[in-house]
Amino acid sequence: MIILLSDSSVPLYQQIYEQLKEKIISGQISEGDKLPSTRALSITLNVSRNTVESAYLQLCSEGYIESKPGSGFISLKVDNRIISKLKSQVSKNFIEHKNVSPQVRHVNTYKYNFEYGKLSASDFPFRIWKKVSNKCLNSFSVENMTSYSLGKGELDLKIEIMEHLNKSRGVDCNPEQIIVCSGFDYSLSLLCQLFR
């Protein structure tokens, strides 16, 4: 059973990740056990599916579970010697970090942050984005902005994608062959239905 604390400073995905990791290390989840689907667990915990997916992706990247097509997520064998070595290294780093004054601690900044869902505000070209957004908004009529777009994507966007594909990959296609979807999951679902 996973217990989430909504008032905790620890993000929900990390709470899920840590509790599942502990269950795998302790043997409560055995090697080869199937984890609940992201959809089922998100419903059970009353969180978004992205939250559960983030926890599962973290577990996958650290080698606690793997994704098997058609089977979902399966727990892997954990080498406890490596785990204990990592724990001792982490506790050593924590003690060293704890003994450093708070002023010095905040000096350690990282050039790149690869944490899921975090974008460095200083790296985002906000002025350019705002200028391009305003230019796009000014080019639309009220009728275009308040009506639904075409089901397979906007024609202008499809033309831009077609030209990009032609220049970058040498793909010769027309806009009717390009379908713009609302995300990876949805496009994968459409492809699965198509190849069924």
N, C-alpha and C. Protein backbone atom coordinates (compact mmCIF):
# COMPACT_ATOMS: atom_id res chain seq x y z
N MET A 1 0.85 -1.19 0.00
CA MET A 1 0.00 0.00 0.00
C MET A 1 0.89 1.24 0.00
N ILE A 2 0.56 2.18 -0.87
CA ILE A 2 1.32 3.42 -0.97
C ILE A 2 0.52 4.53 -0.30
N ILE A 3 1.18 5.25 0.60
CA ILE A 3 0.53 6.35 1.31
C ILE A 3 1.17 7.65 0.86
N LEU A 4 0.35 8.57 0.34
CA LEU A 4 0.85 9.86 -0.14
C LEU A 4 0.46 10.96 0.83
N LEU A 5 1.40 11.83 1.10
CA LEU A 5 1.16 12.97 1.99
C LEU A 5 1.07 14.22 1.12
N SER A 6 -0.11 14.76 0.97
CA SER A 6 -0.30 15.92 0.10
C SER A 6 0.33 17.18 0.66
N ASP A 7 0.52 17.24 1.99
CA ASP A 7 1.12 18.44 2.59
C ASP A 7 2.64 18.33 2.71
N SER A 8 3.23 17.28 2.17
CA SER A 8 4.68 17.09 2.22
C SER A 8 5.37 17.96 1.19
N SER A 9 6.61 18.34 1.47
CA SER A 9 7.40 19.11 0.50
C SER A 9 7.96 18.20 -0.59
N VAL A 10 7.92 16.89 -0.35
CA VAL A 10 8.40 15.91 -1.34
C VAL A 10 7.32 15.75 -2.41
N PRO A 11 7.69 15.90 -3.70
CA PRO A 11 6.69 15.76 -4.76
C PRO A 11 6.02 14.38 -4.74
N LEU A 12 4.79 14.30 -5.21
CA LEU A 12 4.02 13.06 -5.18
C LEU A 12 4.71 11.93 -5.95
N TYR A 13 5.28 12.26 -7.13
CA TYR A 13 5.92 11.21 -7.92
C TYR A 13 7.10 10.61 -7.16
N GLN A 14 7.80 11.47 -6.40
CA GLN A 14 8.96 11.00 -5.64
C GLN A 14 8.52 10.13 -4.46
N GLN A 15 7.39 10.47 -3.85
CA GLN A 15 6.85 9.65 -2.76
C GLN A 15 6.50 8.25 -3.29
N ILE A 16 5.87 8.20 -4.46
CA ILE A 16 5.52 6.91 -5.07
C ILE A 16 6.79 6.14 -5.39
N TYR A 17 7.73 6.82 -6.04
CA TYR A 17 9.01 6.19 -6.42
C TYR A 17 9.73 5.60 -5.20
N GLU A 18 9.85 6.39 -4.13
CA GLU A 18 10.59 5.94 -2.95
C GLU A 18 9.92 4.73 -2.28
N GLN A 19 8.58 4.76 -2.20
CA GLN A 19 7.88 3.65 -1.55
C GLN A 19 7.96 2.37 -2.39
N LEU A 20 7.83 2.50 -3.70
CA LEU A 20 7.96 1.32 -4.56
C LEU A 20 9.40 0.78 -4.54
N LYS A 21 10.36 1.68 -4.55
CA LYS A 21 11.77 1.27 -4.50
C LYS A 21 12.05 0.50 -3.21
N GLU A 22 11.54 1.00 -2.10
CA GLU A 22 11.74 0.33 -0.81
C GLU A 22 11.09 -1.05 -0.80
N LYS A 23 9.92 -1.17 -1.42
CA LYS A 23 9.24 -2.47 -1.49
C LYS A 23 10.04 -3.46 -2.35
N ILE A 24 10.66 -2.97 -3.41
CA ILE A 24 11.47 -3.84 -4.27
C ILE A 24 12.74 -4.27 -3.54
N ILE A 25 13.40 -3.34 -2.87
CA ILE A 25 14.65 -3.65 -2.15
C ILE A 25 14.37 -4.61 -1.00
N SER A 26 13.27 -4.37 -0.27
CA SER A 26 12.96 -5.22 0.88
C SER A 26 12.41 -6.60 0.48
N GLY A 27 12.02 -6.74 -0.78
CA GLY A 27 11.52 -8.03 -1.23
C GLY A 27 10.01 -8.15 -1.17
N GLN A 28 9.30 -7.10 -0.73
CA GLN A 28 7.84 -7.13 -0.74
C GLN A 28 7.32 -7.26 -2.16
N ILE A 29 8.03 -6.64 -3.10
CA ILE A 29 7.76 -6.84 -4.52
C ILE A 29 8.90 -7.71 -5.03
N SER A 30 8.57 -8.93 -5.41
CA SER A 30 9.60 -9.90 -5.82
C SER A 30 10.02 -9.68 -7.27
N GLU A 31 11.16 -10.27 -7.61
CA GLU A 31 11.64 -10.22 -8.98
C GLU A 31 10.59 -10.85 -9.90
N GLY A 32 10.26 -10.15 -10.98
CA GLY A 32 9.28 -10.67 -11.94
C GLY A 32 7.85 -10.29 -11.65
N ASP A 33 7.59 -9.68 -10.47
CA ASP A 33 6.22 -9.25 -10.14
C ASP A 33 5.80 -8.11 -11.07
N LYS A 34 4.54 -8.15 -11.46
CA LYS A 34 4.00 -7.10 -12.32
C LYS A 34 3.47 -5.95 -11.47
N LEU A 35 3.88 -4.74 -11.78
CA LEU A 35 3.38 -3.56 -11.07
C LEU A 35 2.04 -3.16 -11.69
N PRO A 36 1.21 -2.44 -10.93
CA PRO A 36 -0.07 -1.98 -11.50
C PRO A 36 0.20 -1.06 -12.70
N SER A 37 -0.72 -1.02 -13.63
CA SER A 37 -0.56 -0.12 -14.77
C SER A 37 -0.58 1.32 -14.26
N THR A 38 -0.02 2.23 -15.04
CA THR A 38 0.01 3.64 -14.63
C THR A 38 -1.40 4.18 -14.45
N ARG A 39 -2.29 3.75 -15.31
CA ARG A 39 -3.69 4.20 -15.22
C ARG A 39 -4.34 3.70 -13.93
N ALA A 40 -4.16 2.39 -13.64
CA ALA A 40 -4.78 1.80 -12.45
C ALA A 40 -4.23 2.43 -11.17
N LEU A 41 -2.91 2.61 -11.12
CA LEU A 41 -2.31 3.18 -9.91
C LEU A 41 -2.70 4.65 -9.74
N SER A 42 -2.79 5.39 -10.85
CA SER A 42 -3.19 6.80 -10.74
C SER A 42 -4.62 6.92 -10.22
N ILE A 43 -5.49 5.99 -10.63
CA ILE A 43 -6.88 6.00 -10.14
C ILE A 43 -6.91 5.63 -8.65
N THR A 44 -6.14 4.60 -8.28
CA THR A 44 -6.10 4.15 -6.88
C THR A 44 -5.59 5.25 -5.96
N LEU A 45 -4.52 5.95 -6.39
CA LEU A 45 -3.90 6.97 -5.54
C LEU A 45 -4.54 8.35 -5.72
N ASN A 46 -5.45 8.46 -6.71
CA ASN A 46 -6.10 9.73 -6.99
C ASN A 46 -5.09 10.82 -7.36
N VAL A 47 -4.17 10.45 -8.25
CA VAL A 47 -3.18 11.40 -8.78
C VAL A 47 -3.22 11.32 -10.30
N SER A 48 -2.53 12.24 -10.96
CA SER A 48 -2.51 12.20 -12.42
C SER A 48 -1.66 11.03 -12.90
N ARG A 49 -1.94 10.60 -14.10
CA ARG A 49 -1.19 9.49 -14.69
C ARG A 49 0.28 9.89 -14.91
N ASN A 50 0.52 11.16 -15.24
CA ASN A 50 1.89 11.66 -15.42
C ASN A 50 2.71 11.50 -14.15
N THR A 51 2.08 11.68 -13.00
CA THR A 51 2.77 11.54 -11.72
C THR A 51 3.27 10.11 -11.55
N VAL A 52 2.41 9.14 -11.84
CA VAL A 52 2.79 7.73 -11.73
C VAL A 52 3.84 7.38 -12.78
N GLU A 53 3.66 7.90 -14.01
CA GLU A 53 4.63 7.64 -15.08
C GLU A 53 6.02 8.17 -14.70
N SER A 54 6.07 9.33 -14.06
CA SER A 54 7.36 9.89 -13.63
C SER A 54 8.04 8.97 -12.62
N ALA A 55 7.28 8.45 -11.68
CA ALA A 55 7.83 7.53 -10.68
C ALA A 55 8.34 6.26 -11.35
N TYR A 56 7.54 5.71 -12.28
CA TYR A 56 7.93 4.49 -12.99
C TYR A 56 9.18 4.72 -13.85
N LEU A 57 9.23 5.89 -14.51
CA LEU A 57 10.40 6.20 -15.34
C LEU A 57 11.67 6.28 -14.50
N GLN A 58 11.54 6.86 -13.30
CA GLN A 58 12.69 6.95 -12.40
C GLN A 58 13.14 5.55 -11.97
N LEU A 59 12.19 4.69 -11.65
CA LEU A 59 12.50 3.30 -11.26
C LEU A 59 13.15 2.55 -12.42
N CYS A 60 12.65 2.78 -13.63
CA CYS A 60 13.24 2.15 -14.83
C CYS A 60 14.67 2.60 -15.04
N SER A 61 14.89 3.92 -14.93
CA SER A 61 16.23 4.45 -15.19
C SER A 61 17.24 3.97 -14.16
N GLU A 62 16.77 3.61 -12.97
CA GLU A 62 17.68 3.13 -11.93
C GLU A 62 17.76 1.61 -11.89
N GLY A 63 17.03 0.93 -12.78
CA GLY A 63 17.15 -0.52 -12.89
C GLY A 63 16.34 -1.33 -11.90
N TYR A 64 15.32 -0.73 -11.29
CA TYR A 64 14.48 -1.48 -10.36
C TYR A 64 13.34 -2.20 -11.09
N ILE A 65 12.88 -1.60 -12.17
CA ILE A 65 11.81 -2.21 -12.96
C ILE A 65 12.15 -2.05 -14.43
N GLU A 66 11.43 -2.79 -15.27
CA GLU A 66 11.57 -2.60 -16.71
C GLU A 66 10.19 -2.66 -17.34
N SER A 67 10.08 -1.99 -18.48
CA SER A 67 8.82 -1.98 -19.21
C SER A 67 8.88 -3.07 -20.27
N LYS A 68 7.91 -3.97 -20.21
CA LYS A 68 7.82 -5.04 -21.21
C LYS A 68 6.57 -4.80 -22.04
N PRO A 69 6.75 -4.65 -23.37
CA PRO A 69 5.58 -4.41 -24.23
C PRO A 69 4.53 -5.51 -24.06
N GLY A 70 3.31 -5.10 -23.83
CA GLY A 70 2.21 -6.04 -23.66
C GLY A 70 2.06 -6.58 -22.25
N SER A 71 3.10 -6.39 -21.41
CA SER A 71 3.04 -6.91 -20.04
C SER A 71 3.03 -5.80 -19.00
N GLY A 72 3.43 -4.61 -19.37
CA GLY A 72 3.50 -3.51 -18.41
C GLY A 72 4.86 -3.44 -17.75
N PHE A 73 4.87 -3.02 -16.49
CA PHE A 73 6.13 -2.86 -15.75
C PHE A 73 6.38 -4.06 -14.85
N ILE A 74 7.58 -4.62 -14.94
CA ILE A 74 7.97 -5.81 -14.20
C ILE A 74 9.16 -5.46 -13.31
N SER A 75 9.13 -5.93 -12.05
CA SER A 75 10.25 -5.66 -11.15
C SER A 75 11.44 -6.55 -11.52
N LEU A 76 12.63 -6.01 -11.30
CA LEU A 76 13.87 -6.72 -11.64
C LEU A 76 14.58 -7.18 -10.37
N LYS A 77 15.55 -8.06 -10.56
CA LYS A 77 16.36 -8.53 -9.44
C LYS A 77 17.27 -7.39 -8.99
N VAL A 78 17.34 -7.20 -7.68
CA VAL A 78 18.15 -6.11 -7.13
C VAL A 78 19.35 -6.72 -6.42
N ASP A 79 20.53 -6.22 -6.76
CA ASP A 79 21.76 -6.66 -6.09
C ASP A 79 21.92 -5.84 -4.81
N ASN A 80 21.66 -6.45 -3.66
CA ASN A 80 21.69 -5.73 -2.38
C ASN A 80 23.08 -5.21 -2.02
N ARG A 81 24.13 -5.84 -2.55
CA ARG A 81 25.49 -5.33 -2.28
C ARG A 81 25.67 -3.94 -2.89
N ILE A 82 25.15 -3.77 -4.12
CA ILE A 82 25.26 -2.47 -4.79
C ILE A 82 24.42 -1.44 -4.05
N ILE A 83 23.22 -1.86 -3.62
CA ILE A 83 22.33 -0.95 -2.89
C ILE A 83 22.97 -0.46 -1.62
N SER A 84 23.57 -1.38 -0.83
CA SER A 84 24.19 -0.97 0.44
C SER A 84 25.38 -0.06 0.18
N LYS A 85 26.11 -0.32 -0.91
CA LYS A 85 27.24 0.54 -1.26
C LYS A 85 26.76 1.94 -1.62
N LEU A 86 25.66 2.00 -2.41
CA LEU A 86 25.09 3.29 -2.78
C LEU A 86 24.56 4.04 -1.56
N LYS A 87 23.89 3.30 -0.65
CA LYS A 87 23.35 3.93 0.56
C LYS A 87 24.46 4.54 1.40
N SER A 88 25.56 3.81 1.55
CA SER A 88 26.66 4.33 2.36
C SER A 88 27.27 5.56 1.70
N GLN A 89 27.36 5.56 0.36
CA GLN A 89 27.89 6.73 -0.36
C GLN A 89 26.97 7.92 -0.20
N VAL A 90 25.65 7.66 -0.30
CA VAL A 90 24.66 8.75 -0.16
C VAL A 90 24.71 9.33 1.25
N SER A 91 24.76 8.45 2.27
CA SER A 91 24.80 8.96 3.65
C SER A 91 26.09 9.73 3.91
N LYS A 92 27.20 9.27 3.30
CA LYS A 92 28.47 9.99 3.44
C LYS A 92 28.36 11.38 2.83
N ASN A 93 27.77 11.44 1.62
CA ASN A 93 27.59 12.74 0.96
C ASN A 93 26.65 13.64 1.75
N PHE A 94 25.60 13.04 2.34
CA PHE A 94 24.65 13.81 3.14
C PHE A 94 25.34 14.42 4.36
N ILE A 95 26.16 13.61 5.04
CA ILE A 95 26.87 14.10 6.24
C ILE A 95 27.81 15.23 5.85
N GLU A 96 28.54 15.04 4.73
CA GLU A 96 29.45 16.10 4.27
C GLU A 96 28.65 17.36 3.92
N HIS A 97 27.51 17.19 3.25
CA HIS A 97 26.68 18.31 2.85
C HIS A 97 26.08 19.01 4.08
N LYS A 98 25.70 18.21 5.09
CA LYS A 98 25.08 18.74 6.31
C LYS A 98 26.08 19.60 7.09
N ASN A 99 27.35 19.20 7.06
CA ASN A 99 28.37 19.92 7.80
C ASN A 99 28.83 21.21 7.13
N VAL A 100 28.39 21.43 5.90
CA VAL A 100 28.75 22.65 5.18
C VAL A 100 27.72 23.72 5.52
N SER A 101 28.17 24.96 5.67
CA SER A 101 27.24 26.04 6.03
C SER A 101 26.25 26.28 4.90
N PRO A 102 25.04 26.77 5.24
CA PRO A 102 24.01 26.99 4.22
C PRO A 102 24.45 27.94 3.11
N GLN A 103 25.29 28.93 3.44
CA GLN A 103 25.76 29.88 2.42
C GLN A 103 26.59 29.16 1.36
N VAL A 104 27.46 28.24 1.81
CA VAL A 104 28.32 27.51 0.88
C VAL A 104 27.49 26.50 0.09
N ARG A 105 26.49 25.90 0.74
CA ARG A 105 25.65 24.88 0.11
C ARG A 105 24.96 25.41 -1.15
N HIS A 106 24.49 26.66 -1.10
CA HIS A 106 23.75 27.22 -2.22
C HIS A 106 24.67 27.66 -3.36
N VAL A 107 25.99 27.65 -3.14
CA VAL A 107 26.93 28.01 -4.19
C VAL A 107 26.99 26.90 -5.24
N ASN A 108 26.76 25.63 -4.81
CA ASN A 108 26.81 24.51 -5.74
C ASN A 108 25.61 24.56 -6.69
N THR A 109 25.81 25.13 -7.87
CA THR A 109 24.75 25.16 -8.87
C THR A 109 25.16 24.26 -10.03
N TYR A 110 24.18 23.80 -10.74
CA TYR A 110 24.43 22.90 -11.85
C TYR A 110 24.16 23.62 -13.16
N LYS A 111 25.01 23.34 -14.15
CA LYS A 111 24.86 23.98 -15.44
C LYS A 111 23.60 23.51 -16.15
N TYR A 112 23.30 22.21 -16.04
CA TYR A 112 22.13 21.64 -16.71
C TYR A 112 21.29 20.87 -15.70
N ASN A 113 19.99 21.06 -15.75
CA ASN A 113 19.08 20.34 -14.87
C ASN A 113 18.25 19.39 -15.72
N PHE A 114 18.46 18.07 -15.53
CA PHE A 114 17.74 17.08 -16.32
C PHE A 114 16.52 16.53 -15.59
N GLU A 115 16.11 17.17 -14.50
CA GLU A 115 14.96 16.68 -13.75
C GLU A 115 13.71 16.82 -14.60
N TYR A 116 12.89 15.77 -14.57
CA TYR A 116 11.68 15.72 -15.39
C TYR A 116 10.73 16.86 -15.02
N GLY A 117 10.24 17.56 -16.02
CA GLY A 117 9.24 18.60 -15.81
C GLY A 117 9.79 19.92 -15.28
N LYS A 118 11.11 20.07 -15.22
CA LYS A 118 11.70 21.32 -14.73
C LYS A 118 12.44 22.01 -15.87
N LEU A 119 12.07 23.24 -16.15
CA LEU A 119 12.73 24.02 -17.18
C LEU A 119 13.35 25.24 -16.51
N SER A 120 14.61 25.43 -16.80
CA SER A 120 15.31 26.57 -16.22
C SER A 120 14.74 27.86 -16.81
N ALA A 121 14.25 28.74 -15.96
CA ALA A 121 13.64 29.99 -16.42
C ALA A 121 14.65 30.86 -17.16
N SER A 122 15.90 30.82 -16.73
CA SER A 122 16.92 31.67 -17.37
C SER A 122 17.26 31.16 -18.77
N ASP A 123 17.05 29.86 -19.05
CA ASP A 123 17.36 29.30 -20.36
C ASP A 123 16.23 29.48 -21.37
N PHE A 124 15.04 29.81 -20.89
CA PHE A 124 13.89 29.93 -21.79
C PHE A 124 13.91 31.29 -22.47
N PRO A 125 13.85 31.31 -23.81
CA PRO A 125 13.90 32.59 -24.55
C PRO A 125 12.55 33.31 -24.49
N PHE A 126 12.22 33.84 -23.33
CA PHE A 126 10.89 34.39 -23.08
C PHE A 126 10.57 35.55 -24.01
N ARG A 127 11.53 36.48 -24.22
CA ARG A 127 11.27 37.64 -25.06
C ARG A 127 10.95 37.23 -26.50
N ILE A 128 11.73 36.28 -27.02
CA ILE A 128 11.50 35.79 -28.39
C ILE A 128 10.15 35.08 -28.46
N TRP A 129 9.87 34.24 -27.45
CA TRP A 129 8.60 33.50 -27.41
C TRP A 129 7.42 34.46 -27.39
N LYS A 130 7.52 35.51 -26.57
CA LYS A 130 6.44 36.49 -26.46
C LYS A 130 6.24 37.23 -27.78
N LYS A 131 7.35 37.59 -28.42
CA LYS A 131 7.29 38.32 -29.70
C LYS A 131 6.63 37.45 -30.78
N VAL A 132 7.05 36.19 -30.87
CA VAL A 132 6.49 35.27 -31.87
C VAL A 132 5.01 34.98 -31.57
N SER A 133 4.69 34.80 -30.28
CA SER A 133 3.29 34.54 -29.89
C SER A 133 2.40 35.71 -30.28
N ASN A 134 2.86 36.94 -30.00
CA ASN A 134 2.07 38.13 -30.35
C ASN A 134 1.89 38.24 -31.86
N LYS A 135 2.97 37.93 -32.60
CA LYS A 135 2.90 37.99 -34.07
C LYS A 135 1.86 36.98 -34.58
N CYS A 136 1.87 35.78 -34.02
CA CYS A 136 0.91 34.75 -34.42
C CYS A 136 -0.52 35.15 -34.07
N LEU A 137 -0.70 35.66 -32.85
CA LEU A 137 -2.05 36.06 -32.41
C LEU A 137 -2.59 37.20 -33.26
N ASN A 138 -1.72 38.13 -33.64
CA ASN A 138 -2.16 39.26 -34.46
C ASN A 138 -2.51 38.85 -35.89
N SER A 139 -1.97 37.73 -36.35
CA SER A 139 -2.23 37.29 -37.72
C SER A 139 -3.56 36.53 -37.83
N PHE A 140 -4.16 36.15 -36.72
CA PHE A 140 -5.41 35.39 -36.74
C PHE A 140 -6.63 36.31 -36.66
N SER A 141 -7.69 35.88 -37.31
CA SER A 141 -8.95 36.59 -37.15
C SER A 141 -9.66 35.97 -35.94
N VAL A 142 -10.65 36.68 -35.42
CA VAL A 142 -11.41 36.19 -34.26
C VAL A 142 -12.09 34.87 -34.61
N GLU A 143 -12.59 34.74 -35.86
CA GLU A 143 -13.28 33.52 -36.28
C GLU A 143 -12.32 32.32 -36.23
N ASN A 144 -11.08 32.53 -36.68
CA ASN A 144 -10.10 31.44 -36.66
C ASN A 144 -9.73 31.02 -35.24
N MET A 145 -9.68 31.99 -34.33
CA MET A 145 -9.27 31.68 -32.96
C MET A 145 -10.37 31.00 -32.17
N THR A 146 -11.61 31.24 -32.52
CA THR A 146 -12.71 30.69 -31.71
C THR A 146 -13.33 29.43 -32.31
N SER A 147 -12.84 28.99 -33.46
CA SER A 147 -13.38 27.78 -34.06
C SER A 147 -12.41 26.62 -33.87
N TYR A 148 -12.92 25.41 -33.98
CA TYR A 148 -12.08 24.23 -33.85
C TYR A 148 -11.15 24.11 -35.04
N SER A 149 -9.98 23.56 -34.79
CA SER A 149 -9.04 23.34 -35.89
C SER A 149 -9.39 22.04 -36.61
N LEU A 150 -8.72 21.80 -37.70
CA LEU A 150 -8.95 20.57 -38.46
C LEU A 150 -8.53 19.37 -37.63
N GLY A 151 -9.21 18.26 -37.81
CA GLY A 151 -8.95 17.06 -37.01
C GLY A 151 -7.54 16.51 -37.16
N LYS A 152 -6.93 16.68 -38.33
CA LYS A 152 -5.58 16.13 -38.57
C LYS A 152 -4.49 17.17 -38.39
N GLY A 153 -4.85 18.38 -37.93
CA GLY A 153 -3.85 19.43 -37.70
C GLY A 153 -4.04 20.60 -38.64
N GLU A 154 -3.53 21.75 -38.24
CA GLU A 154 -3.63 22.97 -39.04
C GLU A 154 -2.80 22.83 -40.32
N LEU A 155 -3.36 23.30 -41.42
CA LEU A 155 -2.70 23.17 -42.72
C LEU A 155 -1.34 23.89 -42.73
N ASP A 156 -1.29 25.11 -42.20
CA ASP A 156 -0.03 25.86 -42.19
C ASP A 156 1.06 25.13 -41.41
N LEU A 157 0.69 24.55 -40.28
CA LEU A 157 1.66 23.78 -39.48
C LEU A 157 2.12 22.56 -40.25
N LYS A 158 1.19 21.88 -40.92
CA LYS A 158 1.54 20.68 -41.68
C LYS A 158 2.48 21.02 -42.84
N ILE A 159 2.28 22.18 -43.45
CA ILE A 159 3.16 22.63 -44.54
C ILE A 159 4.57 22.89 -43.99
N GLU A 160 4.63 23.55 -42.82
CA GLU A 160 5.95 23.81 -42.20
C GLU A 160 6.66 22.49 -41.86
N ILE A 161 5.91 21.53 -41.31
CA ILE A 161 6.49 20.22 -40.97
C ILE A 161 6.97 19.52 -42.24
N MET A 162 6.16 19.60 -43.32
CA MET A 162 6.52 18.99 -44.59
C MET A 162 7.84 19.57 -45.12
N GLU A 163 7.96 20.90 -45.07
CA GLU A 163 9.18 21.55 -45.55
C GLU A 163 10.38 21.18 -44.68
N HIS A 164 10.17 21.11 -43.37
CA HIS A 164 11.25 20.73 -42.46
C HIS A 164 11.72 19.30 -42.73
N LEU A 165 10.76 18.39 -42.91
CA LEU A 165 11.10 17.00 -43.20
C LEU A 165 11.87 16.88 -44.52
N ASN A 166 11.47 17.69 -45.48
CA ASN A 166 12.15 17.64 -46.78
C ASN A 166 13.59 18.13 -46.67
N LYS A 167 13.79 19.25 -45.94
CA LYS A 167 15.14 19.81 -45.80
C LYS A 167 16.03 18.96 -44.91
N SER A 168 15.49 18.50 -43.77
CA SER A 168 16.34 17.82 -42.78
C SER A 168 16.51 16.33 -43.05
N ARG A 169 15.50 15.67 -43.65
CA ARG A 169 15.56 14.22 -43.84
C ARG A 169 15.42 13.78 -45.29
N GLY A 170 15.13 14.72 -46.18
CA GLY A 170 14.94 14.36 -47.58
C GLY A 170 13.64 13.62 -47.83
N VAL A 171 12.66 13.79 -46.93
CA VAL A 171 11.37 13.12 -47.07
C VAL A 171 10.49 13.92 -48.03
N ASP A 172 10.01 13.26 -49.06
CA ASP A 172 9.13 13.90 -50.03
C ASP A 172 7.70 13.49 -49.71
N CYS A 173 6.92 14.42 -49.17
CA CYS A 173 5.54 14.12 -48.80
C CYS A 173 4.68 15.34 -49.04
N ASN A 174 3.38 15.19 -48.83
CA ASN A 174 2.48 16.34 -48.93
C ASN A 174 1.74 16.51 -47.60
N PRO A 175 1.13 17.68 -47.38
CA PRO A 175 0.47 17.94 -46.09
C PRO A 175 -0.60 16.94 -45.69
N GLU A 176 -1.27 16.33 -46.67
CA GLU A 176 -2.33 15.36 -46.36
C GLU A 176 -1.79 14.10 -45.69
N GLN A 177 -0.48 13.84 -45.89
CA GLN A 177 0.14 12.64 -45.30
C GLN A 177 0.62 12.88 -43.87
N ILE A 178 0.52 14.10 -43.40
CA ILE A 178 0.99 14.46 -42.05
C ILE A 178 -0.23 14.62 -41.14
N ILE A 179 -0.17 13.93 -39.99
CA ILE A 179 -1.23 14.04 -38.99
C ILE A 179 -0.62 14.56 -37.70
N VAL A 180 -1.14 15.66 -37.20
CA VAL A 180 -0.63 16.27 -35.98
C VAL A 180 -1.51 15.80 -34.82
N CYS A 181 -0.88 15.19 -33.81
CA CYS A 181 -1.62 14.66 -32.66
C CYS A 181 -1.37 15.51 -31.43
N SER A 182 -2.16 15.25 -30.39
CA SER A 182 -2.07 16.06 -29.18
C SER A 182 -1.08 15.51 -28.16
N GLY A 183 -0.23 14.59 -28.53
CA GLY A 183 0.77 14.07 -27.60
C GLY A 183 1.22 12.68 -27.99
N PHE A 184 2.28 12.23 -27.34
CA PHE A 184 2.88 10.93 -27.65
C PHE A 184 1.91 9.78 -27.40
N ASP A 185 1.26 9.79 -26.24
CA ASP A 185 0.34 8.69 -25.89
C ASP A 185 -0.78 8.56 -26.91
N TYR A 186 -1.35 9.69 -27.30
CA TYR A 186 -2.46 9.67 -28.25
C TYR A 186 -2.00 9.19 -29.62
N SER A 187 -0.83 9.69 -30.07
CA SER A 187 -0.34 9.28 -31.39
C SER A 187 0.02 7.80 -31.40
N LEU A 188 0.59 7.30 -30.29
CA LEU A 188 0.92 5.88 -30.19
C LEU A 188 -0.35 5.04 -30.21
N SER A 189 -1.39 5.52 -29.54
CA SER A 189 -2.68 4.83 -29.54
C SER A 189 -3.25 4.75 -30.95
N LEU A 190 -3.16 5.84 -31.70
CA LEU A 190 -3.66 5.84 -33.09
C LEU A 190 -2.87 4.86 -33.95
N LEU A 191 -1.55 4.84 -33.77
CA LEU A 191 -0.71 3.91 -34.54
C LEU A 191 -1.05 2.46 -34.22
N CYS A 192 -1.28 2.18 -32.94
CA CYS A 192 -1.64 0.81 -32.54
C CYS A 192 -2.96 0.39 -33.17
N GLN A 193 -3.92 1.31 -33.21
CA GLN A 193 -5.21 1.00 -33.84
C GLN A 193 -5.03 0.79 -35.34
N LEU A 194 -4.15 1.57 -35.95
CA LEU A 194 -3.91 1.47 -37.38
C LEU A 194 -3.27 0.13 -37.74
N PHE A 195 -2.30 -0.32 -36.95
CA PHE A 195 -1.58 -1.56 -37.26
C PHE A 195 -2.26 -2.81 -36.69
N ARG A 196 -3.35 -2.65 -35.97
CA ARG A 196 -4.08 -3.78 -35.40
C ARG A 196 -4.54 -4.67 -36.52
